[in-house]
Amino acid sequence: MKAMVLTGIRQMEMIEVPDPQIINHTDVLIKMERVGVCGSDIHYYTTGKIGSQVVQYPFAVGHEGAGTVVQTGQAVTRVKAGDQIAIEPAMPCWHCDQCEAGRPHTCRNLLFLGCPGQAEGCLSEYIVMPETSCFKLENDMNLDDGALSEPLAIGVYAVKQSVPMQGASVGILGFGPIGMSVLLPAVAQGASSVYVTDKVAGRLDKARSLGVKYAGNPDEEDVVEKISALEPNMLDVVFECCGKQEALENALDLLKPGGKLMMIGIPEFDYWQLSADKGRRKEITFVNVRRQNHALEPTLEMMQNKVFDARQMMTHRFKFEQTKEAFDLVDHYADGVMKAMIEF
């Protein structure tokens, strides 16, 4: 079969690799149909690493996937051949202390699609996943929905941990796919005032079209001053979604005493710098968000029930052989891209 692999910094090519095989009774063989391009994929593409996770070339990334079941192991009951499914990229062991504590997303033995040292990604024609990572797309849900459900689940998980009440005031710093994945469930959860910052004009326009109270570029205006004028008591929750030091500093200024800072963005540096004085005096709660935990199925239910329109996140489509073109587009924030989708 064909797989699209990273071969160096900003280098990628399609190669022939062995077809995956069902080995365990709970395995599912999947024909890939859609893969969304994630910001973490771009980190591996442009720098070859995220923190301590370093790419050994050649390597296939990709973890936002949906496909069609081709074959199942003897013990599989939740899906069957022909089903269209969303794919949960995490493959926990289900037996370690973290899994038994209800935290499979921080499993001690976790395998994750497209994560160096763990598992090859889903930018290939076929993959094999455990049954526990396969979720059937019901009713009028399509393959695009399946791929979009993975980033949206991160937002659903983060909002569940943080939006404290009906009428909460919320900041979203960085309005890429994860920022939008936070906005949609935050509004559904009852947030009344949402404030967005980003440096890409098209993304700010998108945020305004979704009804946020304010959307501004921190390079062009004092966003803390602008937001504080609209929200004198400041914000209940701020989601840092871009992995930038200046956004973290803005977040500390924007939060009210007792506020919560949700740190979702993936920085390209190793250490954050935090104001001990501001964090201590305001008694800010800092929460690192690690992907998602038990949120994919609830996210699919919200999408199925039209709680929000996830499809508006997708802006560009590319054929499998155009994957490098898609990565370059996302890397350069070109042509108003929000979510680029690879089609097989």
C-alpha atoms as a PDB file:
ATOM      1  CA  MET A   1       0.000   0.000   0.000  1.00  0.00           C
ATOM      2  CA  LYS A   2       0.975   3.655  -0.279  1.00  0.00           C
ATOM      3  CA  ALA A   3       1.905   5.846   2.667  1.00  0.00           C
ATOM      4  CA  MET A   4       2.867   9.517   2.800  1.00  0.00           C
ATOM      5  CA  VAL A   5       5.924   9.905   5.033  1.00  0.00           C
ATOM      6  CA  LEU A   6       8.135  12.671   6.344  1.00  0.00           C
ATOM      7  CA  THR A   7      11.676  12.270   5.009  1.00  0.00           C
ATOM      8  CA  GLY A   8      13.270  15.425   6.434  1.00  0.00           C
ATOM      9  CA  ILE A   9      12.446  18.973   7.538  1.00  0.00           C
ATOM     10  CA  ARG A  10       9.625  20.139   5.242  1.00  0.00           C
ATOM     11  CA  GLN A  11      10.230  17.058   3.105  1.00  0.00           C
ATOM     12  CA  MET A  12       7.639  14.418   2.319  1.00  0.00           C
ATOM     13  CA  GLU A  13       7.121  11.659  -0.214  1.00  0.00           C
ATOM     14  CA  MET A  14       4.759   8.826  -1.016  1.00  0.00           C
ATOM     15  CA  ILE A  15       6.289   5.363  -0.646  1.00  0.00           C
ATOM     16  CA  GLU A  16       5.228   1.726  -0.760  1.00  0.00           C
ATOM     17  CA  VAL A  17       4.981  -0.002   2.628  1.00  0.00           C
ATOM     18  CA  PRO A  18       3.677  -3.439   3.674  1.00  0.00           C
ATOM     19  CA  ASP A  19      -0.087  -3.805   4.093  1.00  0.00           C
ATOM     20  CA  PRO A  20      -1.116  -3.837   7.778  1.00  0.00           C
ATOM     21  CA  GLN A  21      -2.447  -7.135   9.113  1.00  0.00           C
ATOM     22  CA  ILE A  22      -5.007  -8.087  11.721  1.00  0.00           C
ATOM     23  CA  ILE A  23      -3.053  -9.766  14.519  1.00  0.00           C
ATOM     24  CA  ASN A  24      -5.303  -9.582  17.576  1.00  0.00           C
ATOM     25  CA  HIS A  25      -8.910 -10.756  17.839  1.00  0.00           C
ATOM     26  CA  THR A  26      -9.911  -7.163  18.687  1.00  0.00           C
ATOM     27  CA  ASP A  27      -8.170  -5.553  15.685  1.00  0.00           C
ATOM     28  CA  VAL A  28      -9.986  -3.639  12.948  1.00  0.00           C
ATOM     29  CA  LEU A  29      -8.588  -3.154   9.435  1.00  0.00           C
ATOM     30  CA  ILE A  30      -9.586   0.277   8.129  1.00  0.00           C
ATOM     31  CA  LYS A  31      -9.439   1.815   4.671  1.00  0.00           C
ATOM     32  CA  MET A  32      -8.551   5.450   5.267  1.00  0.00           C
ATOM     33  CA  GLU A  33     -10.934   7.987   3.695  1.00  0.00           C
ATOM     34  CA  ARG A  34     -10.171  11.321   5.424  1.00  0.00           C
ATOM     35  CA  VAL A  35      -7.283  12.758   7.405  1.00  0.00           C
ATOM     36  CA  GLY A  36      -7.326  16.266   8.842  1.00  0.00           C
ATOM     37  CA  VAL A  37      -4.062  18.189   8.998  1.00  0.00           C
ATOM     38  CA  CYS A  38      -3.338  19.093  12.630  1.00  0.00           C
ATOM     39  CA  GLY A  39      -1.021  21.731  14.037  1.00  0.00           C
ATOM     40  CA  SER A  40       1.000  19.003  15.750  1.00  0.00           C
ATOM     41  CA  ASP A  41       1.552  17.355  12.347  1.00  0.00           C
ATOM     42  CA  ILE A  42       2.950  20.685  11.171  1.00  0.00           C
ATOM     43  CA  HIS A  43       5.329  20.832  14.156  1.00  0.00           C
ATOM     44  CA  TYR A  44       6.785  17.472  13.108  1.00  0.00           C
ATOM     45  CA  TYR A  45       6.899  18.651   9.486  1.00  0.00           C
ATOM     46  CA  THR A  46       8.708  21.932  10.182  1.00  0.00           C
ATOM     47  CA  THR A  47      10.916  21.076  13.180  1.00  0.00           C
ATOM     48  CA  GLY A  48      11.034  17.274  13.307  1.00  0.00           C
ATOM     49  CA  LYS A  49       9.955  17.131  16.928  1.00  0.00           C
ATOM     50  CA  ILE A  50       7.573  18.143  19.680  1.00  0.00           C
ATOM     51  CA  GLY A  51       9.469  18.381  22.944  1.00  0.00           C
ATOM     52  CA  SER A  52      11.123  15.026  23.602  1.00  0.00           C
ATOM     53  CA  GLN A  53       9.256  13.301  20.751  1.00  0.00           C
ATOM     54  CA  VAL A  54      11.687  13.335  17.821  1.00  0.00           C
ATOM     55  CA  VAL A  55      10.923  11.989  14.341  1.00  0.00           C
ATOM     56  CA  GLN A  56      13.061   9.146  13.007  1.00  0.00           C
ATOM     57  CA  TYR A  57      12.764   9.348   9.218  1.00  0.00           C
ATOM     58  CA  PRO A  58      10.907   8.103   7.291  1.00  0.00           C
ATOM     59  CA  PHE A  59       7.780   8.501   9.409  1.00  0.00           C
ATOM     60  CA  ALA A  60       4.062   8.927   8.698  1.00  0.00           C
ATOM     61  CA  VAL A  61       2.181  11.487  10.763  1.00  0.00           C
ATOM     62  CA  GLY A  62      -1.592  12.051  10.830  1.00  0.00           C
ATOM     63  CA  HIS A  63      -4.079  11.242  13.581  1.00  0.00           C
ATOM     64  CA  GLU A  64      -7.345  13.019  12.730  1.00  0.00           C
ATOM     65  CA  GLY A  65      -8.892  10.201  10.756  1.00  0.00           C
ATOM     66  CA  ALA A  66     -12.048   8.571   9.458  1.00  0.00           C
ATOM     67  CA  GLY A  67     -12.412   5.509   7.285  1.00  0.00           C
ATOM     68  CA  THR A  68     -14.328   2.412   6.270  1.00  0.00           C
ATOM     69  CA  VAL A  69     -14.031  -0.912   8.059  1.00  0.00           C
ATOM     70  CA  VAL A  70     -12.635  -3.582   5.732  1.00  0.00           C
ATOM     71  CA  GLN A  71     -12.199  -6.529   8.090  1.00  0.00           C
ATOM     72  CA  THR A  72     -12.442  -7.256  11.822  1.00  0.00           C
ATOM     73  CA  GLY A  73     -10.899  -9.681  14.267  1.00  0.00           C
ATOM     74  CA  GLN A  74     -13.004 -12.509  15.634  1.00  0.00           C
ATOM     75  CA  ALA A  75     -13.836 -10.759  18.915  1.00  0.00           C
ATOM     76  CA  VAL A  76     -14.893  -7.392  17.466  1.00  0.00           C
ATOM     77  CA  THR A  77     -18.558  -6.519  18.124  1.00  0.00           C
ATOM     78  CA  ARG A  78     -18.900  -2.738  17.944  1.00  0.00           C
ATOM     79  CA  VAL A  79     -18.195  -2.311  14.202  1.00  0.00           C
ATOM     80  CA  LYS A  80     -18.419  -4.484  11.097  1.00  0.00           C
ATOM     81  CA  ALA A  81     -17.132  -4.497   7.524  1.00  0.00           C
ATOM     82  CA  GLY A  82     -18.622  -1.609   5.564  1.00  0.00           C
ATOM     83  CA  ASP A  83     -19.160   0.687   8.558  1.00  0.00           C
ATOM     84  CA  GLN A  84     -17.870   4.233   8.281  1.00  0.00           C
ATOM     85  CA  ILE A  85     -16.059   5.161  11.473  1.00  0.00           C
ATOM     86  CA  ALA A  86     -14.341   7.936  13.353  1.00  0.00           C
ATOM     87  CA  ILE A  87     -10.941   6.907  14.673  1.00  0.00           C
ATOM     88  CA  GLU A  88      -9.724   7.655  18.187  1.00  0.00           C
ATOM     89  CA  PRO A  89      -5.943   7.901  17.682  1.00  0.00           C
ATOM     90  CA  ALA A  90      -5.048   6.929  21.246  1.00  0.00           C
ATOM     91  CA  MET A  91      -4.409   3.271  22.025  1.00  0.00           C
ATOM     92  CA  PRO A  92      -4.055   2.894  25.813  1.00  0.00           C
ATOM     93  CA  CYS A  93      -3.151  -0.353  27.567  1.00  0.00           C
ATOM     94  CA  TRP A  94      -6.225  -0.190  29.877  1.00  0.00           C
ATOM     95  CA  HIS A  95      -4.266  -1.846  32.715  1.00  0.00           C
ATOM     96  CA  CYS A  96      -1.792   0.690  34.156  1.00  0.00           C
ATOM     97  CA  ASP A  97      -2.472   2.976  37.131  1.00  0.00           C
ATOM     98  CA  GLN A  98      -3.480   5.850  34.833  1.00  0.00           C
ATOM     99  CA  CYS A  99      -5.965   3.771  32.865  1.00  0.00           C
ATOM    100  CA  GLU A 100      -7.450   2.315  36.043  1.00  0.00           C
ATOM    101  CA  ALA A 101      -7.776   5.849  37.437  1.00  0.00           C
ATOM    102  CA  GLY A 102      -9.901   6.839  34.419  1.00  0.00           C
ATOM    103  CA  ARG A 103      -7.037   8.620  32.650  1.00  0.00           C
ATOM    104  CA  PRO A 104      -6.303   6.525  29.543  1.00  0.00           C
ATOM    105  CA  HIS A 105      -5.085   9.669  27.760  1.00  0.00           C
ATOM    106  CA  THR A 106      -2.033   9.660  30.070  1.00  0.00           C
ATOM    107  CA  CYS A 107      -1.604   5.885  29.922  1.00  0.00           C
ATOM    108  CA  ARG A 108       1.899   4.757  30.920  1.00  0.00           C
ATOM    109  CA  ASN A 109       2.067   2.562  27.809  1.00  0.00           C
ATOM    110  CA  LEU A 110       0.144   4.773  25.396  1.00  0.00           C
ATOM    111  CA  LEU A 111       0.442   4.342  21.658  1.00  0.00           C
ATOM    112  CA  PHE A 112      -0.824   7.282  19.606  1.00  0.00           C
ATOM    113  CA  LEU A 113      -1.146   7.564  15.833  1.00  0.00           C
ATOM    114  CA  GLY A 114       1.549   9.690  14.246  1.00  0.00           C
ATOM    115  CA  CYS A 115       3.537  10.066  17.466  1.00  0.00           C
ATOM    116  CA  PRO A 116       7.273   9.276  17.119  1.00  0.00           C
ATOM    117  CA  GLY A 117       8.283   6.192  19.041  1.00  0.00           C
ATOM    118  CA  GLN A 118       4.675   5.093  19.444  1.00  0.00           C
ATOM    119  CA  ALA A 119       2.798   4.426  16.193  1.00  0.00           C
ATOM    120  CA  GLU A 120       2.943   5.373  12.530  1.00  0.00           C
ATOM    121  CA  GLY A 121       0.251   7.873  11.554  1.00  0.00           C
ATOM    122  CA  CYS A 122      -2.827   7.388   9.411  1.00  0.00           C
ATOM    123  CA  LEU A 123      -1.522   9.070   6.242  1.00  0.00           C
ATOM    124  CA  SER A 124      -1.626   5.699   4.507  1.00  0.00           C
ATOM    125  CA  GLU A 125      -4.189   3.757   2.527  1.00  0.00           C
ATOM    126  CA  TYR A 126      -4.927   1.275   5.326  1.00  0.00           C
ATOM    127  CA  ILE A 127      -4.338   1.058   9.071  1.00  0.00           C
ATOM    128  CA  VAL A 128      -5.167  -1.414  11.825  1.00  0.00           C
ATOM    129  CA  MET A 129      -6.612  -0.116  15.093  1.00  0.00           C
ATOM    130  CA  PRO A 130      -8.043  -1.769  18.206  1.00  0.00           C
ATOM    131  CA  GLU A 131     -11.816  -1.976  18.423  1.00  0.00           C
ATOM    132  CA  THR A 132     -11.795   0.512  21.318  1.00  0.00           C
ATOM    133  CA  SER A 133     -10.538   3.208  18.922  1.00  0.00           C
ATOM    134  CA  CYS A 134     -13.376   2.740  16.412  1.00  0.00           C
ATOM    135  CA  PHE A 135     -16.646   4.697  16.609  1.00  0.00           C
ATOM    136  CA  LYS A 136     -19.380   4.117  14.047  1.00  0.00           C
ATOM    137  CA  LEU A 137     -20.712   7.222  12.293  1.00  0.00           C
ATOM    138  CA  GLU A 138     -24.466   7.183  12.778  1.00  0.00           C
ATOM    139  CA  ASN A 139     -27.375   8.466  10.704  1.00  0.00           C
ATOM    140  CA  ASP A 140     -26.470  11.452   8.515  1.00  0.00           C
ATOM    141  CA  MET A 141     -22.926  11.872   9.827  1.00  0.00           C
ATOM    142  CA  ASN A 142     -20.253  11.639   7.145  1.00  0.00           C
ATOM    143  CA  LEU A 143     -16.533  10.969   6.912  1.00  0.00           C
ATOM    144  CA  ASP A 144     -15.663  14.656   7.258  1.00  0.00           C
ATOM    145  CA  ASP A 145     -17.498  14.655  10.595  1.00  0.00           C
ATOM    146  CA  GLY A 146     -15.517  11.621  11.652  1.00  0.00           C
ATOM    147  CA  ALA A 147     -12.160  13.297  11.047  1.00  0.00           C
ATOM    148  CA  LEU A 148     -13.287  16.597  12.587  1.00  0.00           C
ATOM    149  CA  SER A 149     -14.473  14.876  15.746  1.00  0.00           C
ATOM    150  CA  GLU A 150     -10.885  14.328  16.956  1.00  0.00           C
ATOM    151  CA  PRO A 151      -9.854  18.004  17.336  1.00  0.00           C
ATOM    152  CA  LEU A 152     -13.359  18.904  18.480  1.00  0.00           C
ATOM    153  CA  ALA A 153     -13.098  16.336  21.271  1.00  0.00           C
ATOM    154  CA  ILE A 154     -10.109  18.247  22.645  1.00  0.00           C
ATOM    155  CA  GLY A 155     -12.261  21.366  22.880  1.00  0.00           C
ATOM    156  CA  VAL A 156     -15.160  19.456  24.434  1.00  0.00           C
ATOM    157  CA  TYR A 157     -12.797  17.961  27.025  1.00  0.00           C
ATOM    158  CA  ALA A 158     -11.208  21.332  27.853  1.00  0.00           C
ATOM    159  CA  VAL A 159     -14.572  23.092  28.158  1.00  0.00           C
ATOM    160  CA  LYS A 160     -15.964  20.343  30.381  1.00  0.00           C
ATOM    161  CA  GLN A 161     -13.114  20.946  32.823  1.00  0.00           C
ATOM    162  CA  SER A 162     -13.372  24.697  32.871  1.00  0.00           C
ATOM    163  CA  VAL A 163     -16.492  26.640  31.890  1.00  0.00           C
ATOM    164  CA  PRO A 164     -17.909  27.157  35.374  1.00  0.00           C
ATOM    165  CA  MET A 165     -21.454  28.401  34.872  1.00  0.00           C
ATOM    166  CA  GLN A 166     -24.112  29.705  32.557  1.00  0.00           C
ATOM    167  CA  GLY A 167     -23.055  33.161  31.473  1.00  0.00           C
ATOM    168  CA  ALA A 168     -19.314  32.609  31.836  1.00  0.00           C
ATOM    169  CA  SER A 169     -16.915  35.075  30.226  1.00  0.00           C
ATOM    170  CA  VAL A 170     -14.346  33.240  28.111  1.00  0.00           C
ATOM    171  CA  GLY A 171     -11.156  34.153  26.276  1.00  0.00           C
ATOM    172  CA  ILE A 172      -9.721  32.108  23.403  1.00  0.00           C
ATOM    173  CA  LEU A 173      -6.158  33.073  22.467  1.00  0.00           C
ATOM    174  CA  GLY A 174      -5.390  31.566  19.076  1.00  0.00           C
ATOM    175  CA  PHE A 175      -8.316  30.854  16.760  1.00  0.00           C
ATOM    176  CA  GLY A 176      -7.104  27.995  14.643  1.00  0.00           C
ATOM    177  CA  PRO A 177      -8.905  24.638  14.594  1.00  0.00           C
ATOM    178  CA  ILE A 178      -8.386  24.089  18.327  1.00  0.00           C
ATOM    179  CA  GLY A 179      -9.608  27.592  19.121  1.00  0.00           C
ATOM    180  CA  MET A 180     -12.764  26.916  17.128  1.00  0.00           C
ATOM    181  CA  SER A 181     -13.030  23.501  18.756  1.00  0.00           C
ATOM    182  CA  VAL A 182     -13.173  25.321  22.098  1.00  0.00           C
ATOM    183  CA  LEU A 183     -15.593  28.032  20.966  1.00  0.00           C
ATOM    184  CA  LEU A 184     -18.319  25.713  19.696  1.00  0.00           C
ATOM    185  CA  PRO A 185     -18.786  23.648  22.891  1.00  0.00           C
ATOM    186  CA  ALA A 186     -18.146  26.674  25.142  1.00  0.00           C
ATOM    187  CA  VAL A 187     -21.127  28.477  23.632  1.00  0.00           C
ATOM    188  CA  ALA A 188     -23.170  25.261  23.815  1.00  0.00           C
ATOM    189  CA  GLN A 189     -22.182  24.940  27.494  1.00  0.00           C
ATOM    190  CA  GLY A 190     -23.560  28.400  28.211  1.00  0.00           C
ATOM    191  CA  ALA A 191     -20.684  30.867  27.832  1.00  0.00           C
ATOM    192  CA  SER A 192     -22.279  34.242  27.161  1.00  0.00           C
ATOM    193  CA  SER A 193     -19.298  36.432  26.293  1.00  0.00           C
ATOM    194  CA  VAL A 194     -16.418  35.113  24.207  1.00  0.00           C
ATOM    195  CA  TYR A 195     -13.300  37.117  23.360  1.00  0.00           C
ATOM    196  CA  VAL A 196     -10.860  35.928  20.694  1.00  0.00           C
ATOM    197  CA  THR A 197      -7.343  36.923  19.684  1.00  0.00           C
ATOM    198  CA  ASP A 198      -5.332  35.790  16.662  1.00  0.00           C
ATOM    199  CA  LYS A 199      -2.782  37.222  14.238  1.00  0.00           C
ATOM    200  CA  VAL A 200      -4.471  35.952  11.070  1.00  0.00           C
ATOM    201  CA  ALA A 201      -7.131  38.329   9.718  1.00  0.00           C
ATOM    202  CA  GLY A 202      -9.238  35.587   8.154  1.00  0.00           C
ATOM    203  CA  ARG A 203      -9.477  33.731  11.429  1.00  0.00           C
ATOM    204  CA  LEU A 204     -10.603  36.873  13.234  1.00  0.00           C
ATOM    205  CA  ASP A 205     -13.265  37.376  10.558  1.00  0.00           C
ATOM    206  CA  LYS A 206     -14.417  33.798  11.128  1.00  0.00           C
ATOM    207  CA  ALA A 207     -14.635  34.370  14.876  1.00  0.00           C
ATOM    208  CA  ARG A 208     -16.732  37.497  14.317  1.00  0.00           C
ATOM    209  CA  SER A 209     -19.057  35.574  12.016  1.00  0.00           C
ATOM    210  CA  LEU A 210     -19.634  33.125  14.877  1.00  0.00           C
ATOM    211  CA  GLY A 211     -20.842  35.899  17.154  1.00  0.00           C
ATOM    212  CA  VAL A 212     -17.938  36.503  19.527  1.00  0.00           C
ATOM    213  CA  LYS A 213     -18.068  39.726  21.497  1.00  0.00           C
ATOM    214  CA  TYR A 214     -14.583  40.791  20.418  1.00  0.00           C
ATOM    215  CA  ALA A 215     -11.894  39.550  18.026  1.00  0.00           C
ATOM    216  CA  GLY A 216      -8.556  41.333  17.816  1.00  0.00           C
ATOM    217  CA  ASN A 217      -4.962  41.031  16.645  1.00  0.00           C
ATOM    218  CA  PRO A 218      -2.421  41.417  19.503  1.00  0.00           C
ATOM    219  CA  ASP A 219       0.148  42.733  17.018  1.00  0.00           C
ATOM    220  CA  GLU A 220      -2.129  45.620  16.066  1.00  0.00           C
ATOM    221  CA  GLU A 221      -3.839  46.630  19.303  1.00  0.00           C
ATOM    222  CA  ASP A 222      -3.699  46.236  23.070  1.00  0.00           C
ATOM    223  CA  VAL A 223      -6.047  43.281  23.364  1.00  0.00           C
ATOM    224  CA  VAL A 224      -6.013  43.310  27.174  1.00  0.00           C
ATOM    225  CA  GLU A 225      -7.098  46.947  27.211  1.00  0.00           C
ATOM    226  CA  LYS A 226      -9.808  46.343  24.607  1.00  0.00           C
ATOM    227  CA  ILE A 227     -11.240  43.309  26.396  1.00  0.00           C
ATOM    228  CA  SER A 228     -11.081  44.867  29.866  1.00  0.00           C
ATOM    229  CA  ALA A 229     -13.088  47.833  28.582  1.00  0.00           C
ATOM    230  CA  LEU A 230     -15.827  45.419  27.523  1.00  0.00           C
ATOM    231  CA  GLU A 231     -15.489  43.113  30.532  1.00  0.00           C
ATOM    232  CA  PRO A 232     -14.338  45.210  33.542  1.00  0.00           C
ATOM    233  CA  ASN A 233     -14.400  42.257  35.938  1.00  0.00           C
ATOM    234  CA  MET A 234     -12.262  40.294  33.468  1.00  0.00           C
ATOM    235  CA  LEU A 235     -12.692  36.679  32.378  1.00  0.00           C
ATOM    236  CA  ASP A 236     -13.658  33.471  34.143  1.00  0.00           C
ATOM    237  CA  VAL A 237     -11.670  31.189  31.833  1.00  0.00           C
ATOM    238  CA  VAL A 238      -8.974  31.713  29.208  1.00  0.00           C
ATOM    239  CA  PHE A 239      -7.969  29.017  26.736  1.00  0.00           C
ATOM    240  CA  GLU A 240      -4.397  29.365  25.452  1.00  0.00           C
ATOM    241  CA  CYS A 241      -4.639  27.671  22.052  1.00  0.00           C
ATOM    242  CA  CYS A 242      -1.558  28.841  20.148  1.00  0.00           C
ATOM    243  CA  GLY A 243       1.445  27.873  22.247  1.00  0.00           C
ATOM    244  CA  LYS A 244       2.878  31.408  22.335  1.00  0.00           C
ATOM    245  CA  GLN A 245       4.561  33.059  25.340  1.00  0.00           C
ATOM    246  CA  GLU A 246       2.884  36.404  24.730  1.00  0.00           C
ATOM    247  CA  ALA A 247      -0.529  34.725  24.723  1.00  0.00           C
ATOM    248  CA  LEU A 248       0.168  33.211  28.135  1.00  0.00           C
ATOM    249  CA  GLU A 249       1.096  36.655  29.453  1.00  0.00           C
ATOM    250  CA  ASN A 250      -2.121  38.111  28.001  1.00  0.00           C
ATOM    251  CA  ALA A 251      -4.078  35.308  29.645  1.00  0.00           C
ATOM    252  CA  LEU A 252      -2.764  36.163  33.124  1.00  0.00           C
ATOM    253  CA  ASP A 253      -3.775  39.797  32.617  1.00  0.00           C
ATOM    254  CA  LEU A 254      -7.212  38.858  31.280  1.00  0.00           C
ATOM    255  CA  LEU A 255      -8.244  36.461  34.040  1.00  0.00           C
ATOM    256  CA  LYS A 256     -10.220  37.610  37.042  1.00  0.00           C
ATOM    257  CA  PRO A 257      -9.142  36.508  40.541  1.00  0.00           C
ATOM    258  CA  GLY A 258      -9.939  32.828  40.918  1.00  0.00           C
ATOM    259  CA  GLY A 259      -9.932  32.386  37.137  1.00  0.00           C
ATOM    260  CA  LYS A 260      -8.757  29.326  35.259  1.00  0.00           C
ATOM    261  CA  LEU A 261      -6.119  29.173  32.552  1.00  0.00           C
ATOM    262  CA  MET A 262      -6.473  26.204  30.195  1.00  0.00           C
ATOM    263  CA  MET A 263      -3.167  25.561  28.413  1.00  0.00           C
ATOM    264  CA  ILE A 264      -3.860  23.670  25.188  1.00  0.00           C
ATOM    265  CA  GLY A 265      -1.457  25.110  22.603  1.00  0.00           C
ATOM    266  CA  ILE A 266       1.764  23.236  21.792  1.00  0.00           C
ATOM    267  CA  PRO A 267       4.785  25.555  22.126  1.00  0.00           C
ATOM    268  CA  GLU A 268       7.949  25.108  20.079  1.00  0.00           C
ATOM    269  CA  PHE A 269      10.054  26.006  23.133  1.00  0.00           C
ATOM    270  CA  ASP A 270      10.773  23.937  26.231  1.00  0.00           C
ATOM    271  CA  TYR A 271       9.769  26.230  29.113  1.00  0.00           C
ATOM    272  CA  TRP A 272       6.957  28.694  29.795  1.00  0.00           C
ATOM    273  CA  GLN A 273       7.709  31.899  31.728  1.00  0.00           C
ATOM    274  CA  LEU A 274       4.969  32.680  34.235  1.00  0.00           C
ATOM    275  CA  SER A 275       4.480  35.754  36.396  1.00  0.00           C
ATOM    276  CA  ALA A 276       4.588  34.334  39.913  1.00  0.00           C
ATOM    277  CA  ASP A 277       3.139  37.584  41.291  1.00  0.00           C
ATOM    278  CA  LYS A 278       0.084  37.677  39.012  1.00  0.00           C
ATOM    279  CA  GLY A 279      -0.615  33.980  39.290  1.00  0.00           C
ATOM    280  CA  ARG A 280      -0.315  33.999  43.076  1.00  0.00           C
ATOM    281  CA  ARG A 281      -2.192  37.218  43.812  1.00  0.00           C
ATOM    282  CA  LYS A 282      -5.074  36.263  41.557  1.00  0.00           C
ATOM    283  CA  GLU A 283      -4.983  32.624  42.725  1.00  0.00           C
ATOM    284  CA  ILE A 284      -5.097  31.474  39.121  1.00  0.00           C
ATOM    285  CA  THR A 285      -5.618  27.772  38.412  1.00  0.00           C
ATOM    286  CA  PHE A 286      -3.317  26.478  35.667  1.00  0.00           C
ATOM    287  CA  VAL A 287      -4.532  23.396  33.805  1.00  0.00           C
ATOM    288  CA  ASN A 288      -2.544  21.630  31.108  1.00  0.00           C
ATOM    289  CA  VAL A 289      -4.888  19.951  28.629  1.00  0.00           C
ATOM    290  CA  ARG A 290      -3.492  16.703  27.247  1.00  0.00           C
ATOM    291  CA  ARG A 291      -5.480  15.814  24.142  1.00  0.00           C
ATOM    292  CA  GLN A 292      -8.852  14.485  25.292  1.00  0.00           C
ATOM    293  CA  ASN A 293     -10.210  12.009  27.796  1.00  0.00           C
ATOM    294  CA  HIS A 294     -13.454  10.097  27.268  1.00  0.00           C
ATOM    295  CA  ALA A 295     -14.695  12.934  25.048  1.00  0.00           C
ATOM    296  CA  LEU A 296     -14.812  11.526  21.505  1.00  0.00           C
ATOM    297  CA  GLU A 297     -18.117   9.701  21.897  1.00  0.00           C
ATOM    298  CA  PRO A 298     -19.866  12.696  23.558  1.00  0.00           C
ATOM    299  CA  THR A 299     -18.460  14.903  20.785  1.00  0.00           C
ATOM    300  CA  LEU A 300     -19.915  12.639  18.091  1.00  0.00           C
ATOM    301  CA  GLU A 301     -23.270  12.734  19.894  1.00  0.00           C
ATOM    302  CA  MET A 302     -23.179  16.553  19.995  1.00  0.00           C
ATOM    303  CA  MET A 303     -22.375  16.645  16.283  1.00  0.00           C
ATOM    304  CA  GLN A 304     -25.131  14.141  15.491  1.00  0.00           C
ATOM    305  CA  ASN A 305     -27.639  16.162  17.530  1.00  0.00           C
ATOM    306  CA  LYS A 306     -26.643  19.409  15.741  1.00  0.00           C
ATOM    307  CA  VAL A 307     -25.534  21.063  18.973  1.00  0.00           C
ATOM    308  CA  PHE A 308     -23.035  22.913  16.792  1.00  0.00           C
ATOM    309  CA  ASP A 309     -21.984  22.931  13.156  1.00  0.00           C
ATOM    310  CA  ALA A 310     -18.539  21.365  13.024  1.00  0.00           C
ATOM    311  CA  ARG A 311     -18.288  21.273   9.231  1.00  0.00           C
ATOM    312  CA  GLN A 312     -17.705  25.023   9.016  1.00  0.00           C
ATOM    313  CA  MET A 313     -14.202  24.372  10.388  1.00  0.00           C
ATOM    314  CA  MET A 314     -13.145  22.698   7.143  1.00  0.00           C
ATOM    315  CA  THR A 315     -11.909  25.139   4.508  1.00  0.00           C
ATOM    316  CA  HIS A 316      -9.716  23.178   2.061  1.00  0.00           C
ATOM    317  CA  ARG A 317      -9.643  19.715   0.481  1.00  0.00           C
ATOM    318  CA  PHE A 318      -6.651  17.921  -1.007  1.00  0.00           C
ATOM    319  CA  LYS A 319      -6.120  14.549  -2.648  1.00  0.00           C
ATOM    320  CA  PHE A 320      -3.831  12.071  -0.908  1.00  0.00           C
ATOM    321  CA  GLU A 321      -1.027  12.726  -3.385  1.00  0.00           C
ATOM    322  CA  GLN A 322      -1.318  16.482  -2.637  1.00  0.00           C
ATOM    323  CA  THR A 323      -0.575  16.049   1.073  1.00  0.00           C
ATOM    324  CA  LYS A 324       2.632  18.113   0.973  1.00  0.00           C
ATOM    325  CA  GLU A 325       0.717  20.955  -0.659  1.00  0.00           C
ATOM    326  CA  ALA A 326      -1.794  20.782   2.184  1.00  0.00           C
ATOM    327  CA  PHE A 327       0.964  20.839   4.820  1.00  0.00           C
ATOM    328  CA  ASP A 328       2.638  23.837   3.184  1.00  0.00           C
ATOM    329  CA  LEU A 329      -0.674  25.700   3.087  1.00  0.00           C
ATOM    330  CA  VAL A 330      -1.311  25.110   6.787  1.00  0.00           C
ATOM    331  CA  ASP A 331       2.306  25.858   7.681  1.00  0.00           C
ATOM    332  CA  HIS A 332       2.037  29.317   6.072  1.00  0.00           C
ATOM    333  CA  TYR A 333      -1.551  30.065   7.228  1.00  0.00           C
ATOM    334  CA  ALA A 334      -2.279  30.720   3.565  1.00  0.00           C
ATOM    335  CA  ASP A 335      -5.554  31.354   1.737  1.00  0.00           C
ATOM    336  CA  GLY A 336      -7.608  31.670   4.930  1.00  0.00           C
ATOM    337  CA  VAL A 337      -7.032  28.040   5.846  1.00  0.00           C
ATOM    338  CA  MET A 338      -8.654  26.752   9.012  1.00  0.00           C
ATOM    339  CA  LYS A 339      -8.776  22.992   8.534  1.00  0.00           C
ATOM    340  CA  ALA A 340      -7.263  21.237   5.506  1.00  0.00           C
ATOM    341  CA  MET A 341      -8.688  17.791   4.804  1.00  0.00           C
ATOM    342  CA  ILE A 342      -6.899  15.003   2.933  1.00  0.00           C
ATOM    343  CA  GLU A 343      -9.228  12.798   0.846  1.00  0.00           C
ATOM    344  CA  PHE A 344      -8.353   9.263  -0.278  1.00  0.00           C
END
